[in-house]
N, C-alpha and C. Protein backbone atom coordinates (compact mmCIF):
# COMPACT_ATOMS: atom_id res chain seq x y z
N MET A 1 3.34 6.32 -21.53
CA MET A 1 4.25 5.17 -21.45
C MET A 1 5.59 5.63 -20.89
N LEU A 2 6.15 4.86 -20.02
CA LEU A 2 7.45 5.17 -19.43
C LEU A 2 8.55 5.13 -20.47
N LYS A 3 9.33 6.20 -20.55
CA LYS A 3 10.48 6.23 -21.44
C LYS A 3 11.71 5.79 -20.68
N LYS A 4 12.41 4.83 -21.20
CA LYS A 4 13.57 4.29 -20.51
C LYS A 4 14.62 5.38 -20.28
N GLY A 5 15.16 5.37 -19.07
CA GLY A 5 16.20 6.34 -18.76
C GLY A 5 15.67 7.61 -18.14
N THR A 6 14.33 7.78 -18.07
CA THR A 6 13.78 9.02 -17.53
C THR A 6 13.65 8.99 -16.02
N ILE A 7 13.48 7.81 -15.45
CA ILE A 7 13.30 7.71 -14.00
C ILE A 7 13.68 6.30 -13.56
N GLN A 8 14.20 6.19 -12.34
CA GLN A 8 14.59 4.89 -11.81
C GLN A 8 13.47 4.33 -10.95
N ARG A 9 12.91 3.22 -11.36
CA ARG A 9 11.85 2.59 -10.58
C ARG A 9 12.46 1.70 -9.49
N PRO A 10 11.76 1.54 -8.39
CA PRO A 10 12.25 0.64 -7.35
C PRO A 10 12.12 -0.83 -7.74
N PHE A 11 11.43 -1.11 -8.84
CA PHE A 11 11.28 -2.47 -9.33
C PHE A 11 11.06 -2.41 -10.85
N LYS A 12 11.30 -3.52 -11.52
CA LYS A 12 11.10 -3.57 -12.97
C LYS A 12 9.88 -4.43 -13.27
N TRP A 13 8.95 -3.87 -14.03
CA TRP A 13 7.72 -4.58 -14.40
C TRP A 13 7.70 -4.66 -15.93
N PRO A 14 7.95 -5.84 -16.49
CA PRO A 14 8.15 -5.95 -17.95
C PRO A 14 6.88 -6.20 -18.76
N TYR A 15 5.69 -6.00 -18.15
CA TYR A 15 4.45 -6.37 -18.82
C TYR A 15 3.66 -5.14 -19.26
N SER A 16 2.92 -5.29 -20.36
CA SER A 16 2.03 -4.22 -20.85
C SER A 16 0.82 -4.11 -19.93
N THR A 17 0.01 -3.06 -20.14
CA THR A 17 -1.20 -2.90 -19.33
C THR A 17 -2.14 -4.09 -19.51
N LYS A 18 -2.29 -4.55 -20.74
CA LYS A 18 -3.17 -5.69 -21.00
C LYS A 18 -2.66 -6.93 -20.29
N GLU A 19 -1.36 -7.19 -20.40
CA GLU A 19 -0.77 -8.34 -19.71
C GLU A 19 -0.89 -8.20 -18.20
N THR A 20 -0.73 -6.97 -17.73
CA THR A 20 -0.83 -6.71 -16.29
C THR A 20 -2.23 -7.02 -15.78
N PHE A 21 -3.23 -6.64 -16.57
CA PHE A 21 -4.61 -6.95 -16.15
C PHE A 21 -4.82 -8.46 -16.07
N GLU A 22 -4.29 -9.19 -17.02
CA GLU A 22 -4.44 -10.65 -17.01
C GLU A 22 -3.75 -11.25 -15.79
N ILE A 23 -2.57 -10.71 -15.45
CA ILE A 23 -1.86 -11.18 -14.26
C ILE A 23 -2.65 -10.82 -13.00
N LEU A 24 -3.24 -9.61 -13.00
CA LEU A 24 -4.04 -9.17 -11.85
C LEU A 24 -5.25 -10.09 -11.65
N ALA A 25 -5.96 -10.41 -12.74
CA ALA A 25 -7.14 -11.27 -12.63
C ALA A 25 -6.76 -12.65 -12.13
N SER A 26 -5.65 -13.19 -12.65
CA SER A 26 -5.18 -14.50 -12.20
C SER A 26 -4.77 -14.46 -10.73
N SER A 27 -4.06 -13.41 -10.34
CA SER A 27 -3.61 -13.28 -8.95
C SER A 27 -4.79 -13.11 -8.01
N ALA A 28 -5.82 -12.37 -8.46
CA ALA A 28 -7.02 -12.18 -7.65
C ALA A 28 -7.70 -13.51 -7.37
N ASN A 29 -7.77 -14.35 -8.38
CA ASN A 29 -8.39 -15.66 -8.18
C ASN A 29 -7.58 -16.54 -7.23
N VAL A 30 -6.24 -16.40 -7.28
CA VAL A 30 -5.39 -17.13 -6.34
C VAL A 30 -5.69 -16.70 -4.91
N VAL A 31 -5.76 -15.38 -4.71
CA VAL A 31 -6.04 -14.84 -3.37
C VAL A 31 -7.42 -15.29 -2.90
N LEU A 32 -8.41 -15.20 -3.78
CA LEU A 32 -9.77 -15.60 -3.41
C LEU A 32 -9.85 -17.09 -3.09
N HIS A 33 -9.15 -17.89 -3.87
CA HIS A 33 -9.14 -19.33 -3.62
C HIS A 33 -8.54 -19.63 -2.24
N ARG A 34 -7.50 -18.88 -1.92
CA ARG A 34 -6.86 -19.04 -0.61
C ARG A 34 -7.84 -18.72 0.51
N LYS A 35 -8.73 -17.75 0.25
CA LYS A 35 -9.73 -17.36 1.24
C LYS A 35 -11.02 -18.17 1.12
N ARG A 36 -11.03 -19.10 0.16
CA ARG A 36 -12.20 -19.93 -0.11
C ARG A 36 -13.41 -19.09 -0.51
N ASN A 37 -13.16 -18.05 -1.29
CA ASN A 37 -14.24 -17.21 -1.80
C ASN A 37 -14.45 -17.46 -3.29
N LYS A 38 -15.52 -16.91 -3.83
CA LYS A 38 -15.84 -17.11 -5.24
C LYS A 38 -14.87 -16.35 -6.13
N GLY A 39 -14.99 -16.55 -7.45
CA GLY A 39 -14.07 -15.98 -8.42
C GLY A 39 -14.09 -14.46 -8.48
N PHE A 40 -13.06 -13.92 -9.09
CA PHE A 40 -12.85 -12.47 -9.18
C PHE A 40 -13.71 -11.85 -10.28
N ASP A 41 -14.34 -10.72 -9.96
CA ASP A 41 -15.14 -9.98 -10.94
C ASP A 41 -14.73 -8.52 -10.94
N VAL A 42 -14.71 -7.94 -12.14
CA VAL A 42 -14.53 -6.50 -12.27
C VAL A 42 -15.92 -5.89 -12.37
N ASP A 43 -16.21 -4.87 -11.54
CA ASP A 43 -17.52 -4.23 -11.58
C ASP A 43 -17.36 -2.71 -11.59
N ASP A 44 -18.49 -2.01 -11.57
CA ASP A 44 -18.46 -0.55 -11.66
C ASP A 44 -17.73 0.09 -10.48
N ASN A 45 -17.69 -0.59 -9.35
CA ASN A 45 -17.04 -0.02 -8.17
C ASN A 45 -15.53 -0.19 -8.17
N ASN A 46 -15.04 -1.30 -8.68
CA ASN A 46 -13.59 -1.55 -8.59
C ASN A 46 -12.82 -1.34 -9.89
N LYS A 47 -13.53 -1.14 -11.00
CA LYS A 47 -12.83 -1.14 -12.29
C LYS A 47 -11.85 0.02 -12.45
N LEU A 48 -12.19 1.19 -11.90
CA LEU A 48 -11.27 2.33 -12.04
C LEU A 48 -10.01 2.13 -11.21
N ALA A 49 -10.17 1.61 -9.99
CA ALA A 49 -9.00 1.33 -9.15
C ALA A 49 -8.11 0.29 -9.80
N ILE A 50 -8.73 -0.73 -10.39
CA ILE A 50 -7.96 -1.79 -11.07
C ILE A 50 -7.21 -1.23 -12.26
N LEU A 51 -7.86 -0.35 -13.02
CA LEU A 51 -7.21 0.28 -14.17
C LEU A 51 -6.01 1.11 -13.72
N HIS A 52 -6.18 1.87 -12.63
CA HIS A 52 -5.07 2.69 -12.10
C HIS A 52 -3.91 1.80 -11.66
N ILE A 53 -4.21 0.68 -11.02
CA ILE A 53 -3.16 -0.24 -10.56
C ILE A 53 -2.41 -0.79 -11.77
N CYS A 54 -3.14 -1.19 -12.81
CA CYS A 54 -2.50 -1.75 -14.01
C CYS A 54 -1.63 -0.71 -14.70
N HIS A 55 -2.11 0.52 -14.80
CA HIS A 55 -1.31 1.59 -15.42
C HIS A 55 -0.07 1.90 -14.59
N TYR A 56 -0.24 1.91 -13.27
CA TYR A 56 0.90 2.18 -12.38
C TYR A 56 1.98 1.12 -12.58
N LEU A 57 1.60 -0.15 -12.59
CA LEU A 57 2.59 -1.22 -12.72
C LEU A 57 3.23 -1.24 -14.10
N SER A 58 2.44 -1.04 -15.15
CA SER A 58 2.98 -1.12 -16.51
C SER A 58 3.77 0.12 -16.91
N GLY A 59 3.62 1.21 -16.15
CA GLY A 59 4.35 2.45 -16.47
C GLY A 59 3.62 3.34 -17.45
N GLU A 60 2.38 2.99 -17.79
CA GLU A 60 1.60 3.80 -18.73
C GLU A 60 0.82 4.86 -17.95
N VAL A 61 1.53 5.89 -17.51
CA VAL A 61 0.96 6.95 -16.69
C VAL A 61 1.38 8.30 -17.25
N ASN A 62 0.60 9.32 -16.91
CA ASN A 62 0.93 10.67 -17.37
C ASN A 62 2.02 11.32 -16.51
N ASP A 63 1.98 11.04 -15.21
CA ASP A 63 2.93 11.63 -14.27
C ASP A 63 4.07 10.64 -14.01
N LEU A 64 5.21 10.85 -14.63
CA LEU A 64 6.32 9.90 -14.49
C LEU A 64 6.85 9.83 -13.06
N SER A 65 6.67 10.91 -12.30
CA SER A 65 7.18 10.89 -10.93
C SER A 65 6.47 9.83 -10.09
N SER A 66 5.25 9.46 -10.51
CA SER A 66 4.51 8.45 -9.75
C SER A 66 5.16 7.08 -9.84
N LEU A 67 6.04 6.88 -10.81
CA LEU A 67 6.64 5.57 -11.02
C LEU A 67 7.71 5.24 -9.98
N SER A 68 8.15 6.23 -9.24
CA SER A 68 9.12 5.97 -8.18
C SER A 68 8.43 5.73 -6.83
N LYS A 69 7.09 5.72 -6.84
CA LYS A 69 6.33 5.64 -5.60
C LYS A 69 5.68 4.28 -5.40
N GLY A 70 5.17 4.08 -4.19
CA GLY A 70 4.29 2.96 -3.91
C GLY A 70 2.86 3.37 -4.18
N VAL A 71 1.91 2.62 -3.61
CA VAL A 71 0.49 2.89 -3.80
C VAL A 71 -0.19 2.96 -2.44
N MET A 72 -1.09 3.95 -2.29
CA MET A 72 -1.95 4.00 -1.11
C MET A 72 -3.40 3.91 -1.59
N LEU A 73 -4.10 2.88 -1.13
CA LEU A 73 -5.50 2.67 -1.48
C LEU A 73 -6.38 3.29 -0.40
N LEU A 74 -7.28 4.20 -0.82
CA LEU A 74 -8.18 4.89 0.10
C LEU A 74 -9.61 4.46 -0.18
N GLY A 75 -10.40 4.25 0.87
CA GLY A 75 -11.80 3.90 0.67
C GLY A 75 -12.47 3.55 1.97
N ASP A 76 -13.79 3.39 1.88
CA ASP A 76 -14.58 3.07 3.06
C ASP A 76 -14.29 1.64 3.55
N VAL A 77 -14.75 1.36 4.74
CA VAL A 77 -14.60 0.04 5.33
C VAL A 77 -15.24 -1.02 4.42
N GLY A 78 -14.50 -2.07 4.12
CA GLY A 78 -15.04 -3.18 3.34
C GLY A 78 -15.05 -2.98 1.85
N ALA A 79 -14.48 -1.89 1.36
CA ALA A 79 -14.53 -1.60 -0.08
C ALA A 79 -13.62 -2.51 -0.90
N GLY A 80 -12.68 -3.18 -0.25
CA GLY A 80 -11.81 -4.11 -0.97
C GLY A 80 -10.36 -3.67 -1.05
N LYS A 81 -9.95 -2.73 -0.21
CA LYS A 81 -8.59 -2.19 -0.26
C LYS A 81 -7.55 -3.26 0.10
N THR A 82 -7.76 -3.95 1.20
CA THR A 82 -6.79 -4.96 1.63
C THR A 82 -6.73 -6.10 0.63
N PHE A 83 -7.88 -6.50 0.09
CA PHE A 83 -7.90 -7.54 -0.93
C PHE A 83 -7.07 -7.13 -2.14
N LEU A 84 -7.25 -5.91 -2.64
CA LEU A 84 -6.48 -5.45 -3.80
C LEU A 84 -5.00 -5.39 -3.48
N MET A 85 -4.66 -5.03 -2.25
CA MET A 85 -3.25 -5.00 -1.88
C MET A 85 -2.69 -6.42 -1.84
N GLU A 86 -3.47 -7.37 -1.37
CA GLU A 86 -3.03 -8.77 -1.39
C GLU A 86 -2.85 -9.26 -2.82
N VAL A 87 -3.67 -8.75 -3.73
CA VAL A 87 -3.52 -9.09 -5.15
C VAL A 87 -2.21 -8.53 -5.70
N ILE A 88 -1.90 -7.28 -5.37
CA ILE A 88 -0.63 -6.68 -5.80
C ILE A 88 0.54 -7.47 -5.23
N GLN A 89 0.43 -7.87 -3.97
CA GLN A 89 1.46 -8.69 -3.33
C GLN A 89 1.67 -9.98 -4.12
N GLU A 90 0.59 -10.61 -4.52
CA GLU A 90 0.66 -11.85 -5.30
C GLU A 90 1.28 -11.58 -6.67
N MET A 91 0.93 -10.44 -7.28
CA MET A 91 1.46 -10.09 -8.60
C MET A 91 2.97 -9.89 -8.57
N PHE A 92 3.47 -9.37 -7.45
CA PHE A 92 4.90 -9.09 -7.35
C PHE A 92 5.73 -10.37 -7.39
N LEU A 93 5.10 -11.51 -7.13
CA LEU A 93 5.83 -12.77 -7.24
C LEU A 93 6.25 -13.02 -8.69
N GLN A 94 5.56 -12.38 -9.65
CA GLN A 94 5.93 -12.50 -11.06
C GLN A 94 7.32 -11.95 -11.34
N ILE A 95 7.75 -11.00 -10.52
CA ILE A 95 9.07 -10.38 -10.72
C ILE A 95 10.00 -10.71 -9.54
N ASN A 96 9.64 -11.77 -8.83
CA ASN A 96 10.47 -12.24 -7.70
C ASN A 96 10.69 -11.17 -6.65
N LYS A 97 9.65 -10.39 -6.41
CA LYS A 97 9.68 -9.39 -5.35
C LYS A 97 8.69 -9.78 -4.27
N VAL A 98 9.14 -9.73 -3.05
CA VAL A 98 8.28 -10.09 -1.92
C VAL A 98 8.11 -8.86 -1.04
N PHE A 99 6.88 -8.55 -0.70
CA PHE A 99 6.69 -7.50 0.30
C PHE A 99 5.68 -7.95 1.34
N THR A 100 5.80 -7.36 2.50
CA THR A 100 5.01 -7.76 3.66
C THR A 100 3.84 -6.81 3.85
N ILE A 101 2.66 -7.37 4.08
CA ILE A 101 1.51 -6.57 4.48
C ILE A 101 1.36 -6.72 5.99
N ILE A 102 1.42 -5.61 6.68
CA ILE A 102 1.32 -5.64 8.15
C ILE A 102 0.36 -4.54 8.59
N SER A 103 -0.52 -4.86 9.50
CA SER A 103 -1.50 -3.88 9.95
C SER A 103 -0.85 -2.80 10.81
N ALA A 104 -1.44 -1.62 10.76
CA ALA A 104 -0.95 -0.53 11.59
C ALA A 104 -1.04 -0.90 13.07
N ILE A 105 -2.05 -1.69 13.43
CA ILE A 105 -2.20 -2.11 14.83
C ILE A 105 -1.03 -3.00 15.25
N LYS A 106 -0.59 -3.91 14.37
CA LYS A 106 0.54 -4.77 14.71
C LYS A 106 1.84 -3.99 14.82
N ILE A 107 1.98 -2.94 14.02
CA ILE A 107 3.16 -2.07 14.14
C ILE A 107 3.16 -1.40 15.51
N PHE A 108 1.99 -0.90 15.89
CA PHE A 108 1.87 -0.28 17.21
C PHE A 108 2.24 -1.28 18.31
N GLU A 109 1.73 -2.52 18.17
CA GLU A 109 2.00 -3.54 19.17
C GLU A 109 3.49 -3.90 19.24
N ALA A 110 4.16 -3.88 18.08
CA ALA A 110 5.61 -4.17 18.05
C ALA A 110 6.38 -3.13 18.85
N TYR A 111 6.00 -1.87 18.69
CA TYR A 111 6.65 -0.81 19.47
C TYR A 111 6.32 -0.93 20.96
N LYS A 112 5.07 -1.26 21.23
CA LYS A 112 4.65 -1.37 22.63
C LYS A 112 5.39 -2.49 23.33
N ALA A 113 5.68 -3.58 22.58
CA ALA A 113 6.37 -4.73 23.16
C ALA A 113 7.89 -4.60 23.04
N ASN A 114 8.37 -3.48 22.52
CA ASN A 114 9.81 -3.30 22.28
C ASN A 114 10.39 -4.44 21.45
N ASP A 115 9.64 -4.82 20.42
CA ASP A 115 10.07 -5.89 19.52
C ASP A 115 11.02 -5.30 18.48
N TYR A 116 12.29 -5.19 18.85
CA TYR A 116 13.25 -4.49 18.01
C TYR A 116 13.55 -5.24 16.71
N THR A 117 13.41 -6.56 16.73
CA THR A 117 13.58 -7.33 15.49
C THR A 117 12.53 -6.93 14.47
N MET A 118 11.28 -6.86 14.90
CA MET A 118 10.19 -6.44 14.01
C MET A 118 10.36 -4.99 13.59
N ILE A 119 10.74 -4.13 14.51
CA ILE A 119 10.90 -2.71 14.20
C ILE A 119 11.97 -2.51 13.13
N ARG A 120 13.07 -3.25 13.22
CA ARG A 120 14.12 -3.13 12.21
C ARG A 120 13.63 -3.62 10.85
N ARG A 121 12.80 -4.67 10.85
CA ARG A 121 12.25 -5.17 9.59
C ARG A 121 11.34 -4.13 8.93
N LEU A 122 10.66 -3.34 9.74
CA LEU A 122 9.76 -2.32 9.21
C LEU A 122 10.51 -1.19 8.51
N GLU A 123 11.79 -1.08 8.79
CA GLU A 123 12.58 0.01 8.23
C GLU A 123 13.20 -0.33 6.88
N THR A 124 13.12 -1.61 6.46
CA THR A 124 13.77 -2.04 5.23
C THR A 124 12.79 -2.81 4.35
N GLY A 125 13.21 -3.09 3.13
CA GLY A 125 12.39 -3.88 2.22
C GLY A 125 11.12 -3.16 1.81
N ILE A 126 10.23 -3.90 1.16
CA ILE A 126 8.95 -3.37 0.70
C ILE A 126 7.88 -3.80 1.69
N ILE A 127 7.12 -2.82 2.21
CA ILE A 127 6.03 -3.17 3.11
C ILE A 127 4.76 -2.42 2.72
N CYS A 128 3.63 -2.97 3.12
CA CYS A 128 2.35 -2.28 3.06
C CYS A 128 1.84 -2.13 4.47
N ILE A 129 1.55 -0.91 4.88
CA ILE A 129 0.92 -0.66 6.17
C ILE A 129 -0.58 -0.70 5.95
N ASP A 130 -1.21 -1.74 6.45
CA ASP A 130 -2.64 -1.95 6.23
C ASP A 130 -3.47 -1.25 7.30
N ASP A 131 -4.54 -0.61 6.86
CA ASP A 131 -5.49 0.05 7.76
C ASP A 131 -4.84 1.17 8.55
N LEU A 132 -4.12 2.00 7.84
CA LEU A 132 -3.47 3.18 8.43
C LEU A 132 -4.52 4.04 9.13
N GLY A 133 -4.28 4.35 10.39
CA GLY A 133 -5.22 5.16 11.15
C GLY A 133 -6.06 4.36 12.13
N SER A 134 -5.95 3.04 12.09
CA SER A 134 -6.74 2.20 13.01
C SER A 134 -6.03 1.99 14.34
N GLU A 135 -4.76 2.32 14.37
CA GLU A 135 -3.94 2.08 15.57
C GLU A 135 -4.09 3.20 16.59
N GLU A 136 -3.68 2.92 17.82
CA GLU A 136 -3.60 3.99 18.82
C GLU A 136 -2.53 4.99 18.39
N ARG A 137 -2.63 6.20 18.87
CA ARG A 137 -1.77 7.27 18.37
C ARG A 137 -0.36 7.23 18.94
N SER A 138 -0.22 6.91 20.22
CA SER A 138 1.10 7.03 20.85
C SER A 138 1.27 6.02 21.98
N ILE A 139 2.54 5.84 22.37
CA ILE A 139 2.91 4.94 23.46
C ILE A 139 3.77 5.73 24.44
N ASN A 140 3.49 5.52 25.72
CA ASN A 140 4.37 6.05 26.76
C ASN A 140 5.32 4.93 27.16
N ASN A 141 6.52 4.96 26.60
CA ASN A 141 7.48 3.88 26.81
C ASN A 141 8.52 4.33 27.84
N TRP A 142 8.23 3.99 29.10
CA TRP A 142 9.12 4.36 30.20
C TRP A 142 9.41 5.87 30.20
N GLY A 143 8.34 6.65 30.03
CA GLY A 143 8.46 8.10 30.07
C GLY A 143 8.75 8.75 28.74
N THR A 144 9.03 7.95 27.71
CA THR A 144 9.28 8.48 26.37
C THR A 144 8.03 8.27 25.51
N ILE A 145 7.49 9.35 24.98
CA ILE A 145 6.31 9.25 24.13
C ILE A 145 6.75 8.92 22.71
N GLU A 146 6.25 7.79 22.20
CA GLU A 146 6.57 7.36 20.84
C GLU A 146 5.31 7.34 19.99
N HIS A 147 5.50 7.64 18.71
CA HIS A 147 4.41 7.62 17.73
C HIS A 147 4.82 6.64 16.63
N PRO A 148 4.50 5.35 16.78
CA PRO A 148 5.05 4.31 15.91
C PRO A 148 4.86 4.53 14.41
N ILE A 149 3.65 4.81 13.97
CA ILE A 149 3.43 4.97 12.53
C ILE A 149 4.17 6.19 12.00
N TYR A 150 4.14 7.27 12.74
CA TYR A 150 4.90 8.47 12.36
C TYR A 150 6.38 8.12 12.19
N GLN A 151 6.93 7.40 13.17
CA GLN A 151 8.35 7.07 13.14
C GLN A 151 8.70 6.15 11.97
N VAL A 152 7.86 5.15 11.72
CA VAL A 152 8.11 4.22 10.62
C VAL A 152 8.05 4.95 9.28
N LEU A 153 7.02 5.77 9.09
CA LEU A 153 6.87 6.48 7.81
C LEU A 153 8.00 7.49 7.59
N MET A 154 8.41 8.19 8.63
CA MET A 154 9.50 9.15 8.49
C MET A 154 10.80 8.43 8.11
N LYS A 155 11.09 7.32 8.79
CA LYS A 155 12.31 6.57 8.51
C LYS A 155 12.31 6.04 7.08
N ARG A 156 11.19 5.48 6.65
CA ARG A 156 11.10 4.92 5.31
C ARG A 156 11.16 6.01 4.25
N SER A 157 10.59 7.16 4.54
CA SER A 157 10.66 8.28 3.61
C SER A 157 12.09 8.77 3.44
N ILE A 158 12.78 8.95 4.55
CA ILE A 158 14.17 9.43 4.51
C ILE A 158 15.06 8.45 3.76
N ASP A 159 14.82 7.14 3.97
CA ASP A 159 15.63 6.10 3.32
C ASP A 159 15.13 5.73 1.93
N GLU A 160 14.03 6.38 1.50
CA GLU A 160 13.45 6.15 0.17
C GLU A 160 13.09 4.68 -0.06
N ARG A 161 12.42 4.09 0.92
CA ARG A 161 11.97 2.71 0.82
C ARG A 161 10.60 2.66 0.16
N LEU A 162 10.41 1.70 -0.73
CA LEU A 162 9.13 1.55 -1.41
C LEU A 162 8.07 1.14 -0.39
N THR A 163 7.00 1.95 -0.30
CA THR A 163 6.00 1.77 0.74
C THR A 163 4.59 1.79 0.15
N PHE A 164 3.76 0.85 0.58
CA PHE A 164 2.36 0.79 0.19
C PHE A 164 1.52 0.98 1.45
N ALA A 165 0.25 1.32 1.26
CA ALA A 165 -0.63 1.51 2.42
C ALA A 165 -2.09 1.38 2.00
N THR A 166 -2.93 1.06 2.98
CA THR A 166 -4.38 1.16 2.81
C THR A 166 -4.91 1.96 3.98
N THR A 167 -6.00 2.69 3.76
CA THR A 167 -6.58 3.48 4.84
C THR A 167 -8.04 3.81 4.55
N ASN A 168 -8.81 3.98 5.63
CA ASN A 168 -10.18 4.46 5.52
C ASN A 168 -10.24 5.98 5.59
N LEU A 169 -9.11 6.62 5.85
CA LEU A 169 -9.06 8.07 6.03
C LEU A 169 -8.83 8.79 4.71
N ASP A 170 -9.42 9.98 4.58
CA ASP A 170 -9.13 10.80 3.41
C ASP A 170 -7.93 11.70 3.72
N ALA A 171 -7.55 12.51 2.75
CA ALA A 171 -6.33 13.32 2.89
C ALA A 171 -6.39 14.23 4.11
N LYS A 172 -7.52 14.88 4.32
CA LYS A 172 -7.65 15.80 5.45
C LYS A 172 -7.57 15.06 6.77
N GLN A 173 -8.23 13.90 6.84
CA GLN A 173 -8.20 13.11 8.07
C GLN A 173 -6.80 12.59 8.37
N LEU A 174 -6.05 12.23 7.33
CA LEU A 174 -4.67 11.80 7.53
C LEU A 174 -3.83 12.94 8.10
N GLU A 175 -4.07 14.14 7.60
CA GLU A 175 -3.31 15.30 8.09
C GLU A 175 -3.66 15.60 9.54
N VAL A 176 -4.95 15.50 9.89
CA VAL A 176 -5.37 15.75 11.26
C VAL A 176 -4.74 14.72 12.21
N ARG A 177 -4.69 13.48 11.77
CA ARG A 177 -4.18 12.40 12.64
C ARG A 177 -2.67 12.42 12.77
N TYR A 178 -1.96 12.62 11.65
CA TYR A 178 -0.50 12.46 11.66
C TYR A 178 0.26 13.77 11.49
N GLY A 179 -0.43 14.84 11.13
CA GLY A 179 0.24 16.11 10.91
C GLY A 179 0.56 16.35 9.45
N LYS A 180 0.82 17.60 9.12
CA LYS A 180 1.07 17.98 7.74
C LYS A 180 2.34 17.34 7.19
N ARG A 181 3.35 17.18 8.04
CA ARG A 181 4.62 16.61 7.56
C ARG A 181 4.42 15.20 7.03
N ILE A 182 3.71 14.36 7.79
CA ILE A 182 3.49 12.99 7.34
C ILE A 182 2.55 12.96 6.14
N ARG A 183 1.54 13.84 6.15
CA ARG A 183 0.65 13.89 4.98
C ARG A 183 1.46 14.22 3.73
N ASP A 184 2.39 15.17 3.82
CA ASP A 184 3.23 15.52 2.67
C ASP A 184 4.16 14.37 2.30
N ARG A 185 4.70 13.69 3.30
CA ARG A 185 5.58 12.55 3.02
C ARG A 185 4.81 11.43 2.31
N LEU A 186 3.58 11.18 2.75
CA LEU A 186 2.76 10.16 2.10
C LEU A 186 2.49 10.52 0.65
N ARG A 187 2.29 11.79 0.39
CA ARG A 187 2.07 12.26 -0.98
C ARG A 187 3.31 12.02 -1.84
N GLU A 188 4.48 12.19 -1.23
CA GLU A 188 5.74 11.95 -1.95
C GLU A 188 6.02 10.45 -2.13
N MET A 189 5.55 9.64 -1.20
CA MET A 189 5.88 8.22 -1.19
C MET A 189 4.90 7.36 -1.98
N CYS A 190 3.65 7.80 -2.08
CA CYS A 190 2.60 6.92 -2.60
C CYS A 190 1.72 7.60 -3.65
N VAL A 191 1.34 6.83 -4.66
CA VAL A 191 0.28 7.21 -5.57
C VAL A 191 -1.04 6.88 -4.87
N THR A 192 -1.95 7.84 -4.81
CA THR A 192 -3.23 7.62 -4.15
C THR A 192 -4.26 7.09 -5.14
N ILE A 193 -4.86 5.94 -4.81
CA ILE A 193 -5.88 5.34 -5.67
C ILE A 193 -7.14 5.11 -4.83
N PRO A 194 -8.25 5.79 -5.17
CA PRO A 194 -9.50 5.58 -4.44
C PRO A 194 -10.12 4.22 -4.79
N VAL A 195 -10.67 3.57 -3.78
CA VAL A 195 -11.43 2.33 -3.98
C VAL A 195 -12.84 2.61 -3.48
N VAL A 196 -13.80 2.66 -4.37
CA VAL A 196 -15.15 3.13 -4.04
C VAL A 196 -16.12 1.96 -3.92
N GLY A 197 -17.31 2.30 -3.43
CA GLY A 197 -18.39 1.32 -3.36
C GLY A 197 -18.72 0.88 -1.96
N PRO A 198 -19.84 0.18 -1.81
CA PRO A 198 -20.26 -0.32 -0.50
C PRO A 198 -19.38 -1.49 -0.06
N SER A 199 -19.57 -1.89 1.18
CA SER A 199 -18.78 -3.00 1.72
C SER A 199 -19.03 -4.29 0.95
N ARG A 200 -17.95 -5.01 0.67
CA ARG A 200 -18.03 -6.30 0.00
C ARG A 200 -18.03 -7.46 1.00
N ARG A 201 -17.91 -7.13 2.27
CA ARG A 201 -17.85 -8.17 3.28
C ARG A 201 -19.23 -8.77 3.51
N LYS A 202 -19.24 -10.06 3.71
CA LYS A 202 -20.50 -10.78 3.93
C LYS A 202 -20.44 -11.53 5.25
């Protein structure tokens, strides 16, 4: 359990783990209803990830340093990572916090189009980079080689911005794609939660 005064969280979550689970289940049904899908179920594949999310939000964790971080959900294609992130996004409305979920591909496209308004938005507030690793690696912008995801993550790390992410890549693959520096920064910025199981997409 988080002891008050031991660490400064980027947000305040006043609910117990049990209350958090109830909020998560309710938020999941809201998201599913929005997608016109059936009701939310906890099963053998998602229950551990859900438990980790609830403990992270409620502060009932063994590693207090994790409470200053965001969350990165790792898992195979279709395992439910983006859905769970949308649920967390919905849950944050309980504490009047809004964060944006944006795909890594759209971040790449913003840099490619020199969309400076979008780029500035990526540097502030709470964001989730969805499907990290799905984007192209670099842009040749009038002779200048840019690496959009690298640049966004470095800027957010330096500024200590709360950052969430989803990815199909494991730790080694992230290091191969982005380098050891970004892999280490992601470790500092995010609690890693595996999402296991076969694809839920139909």
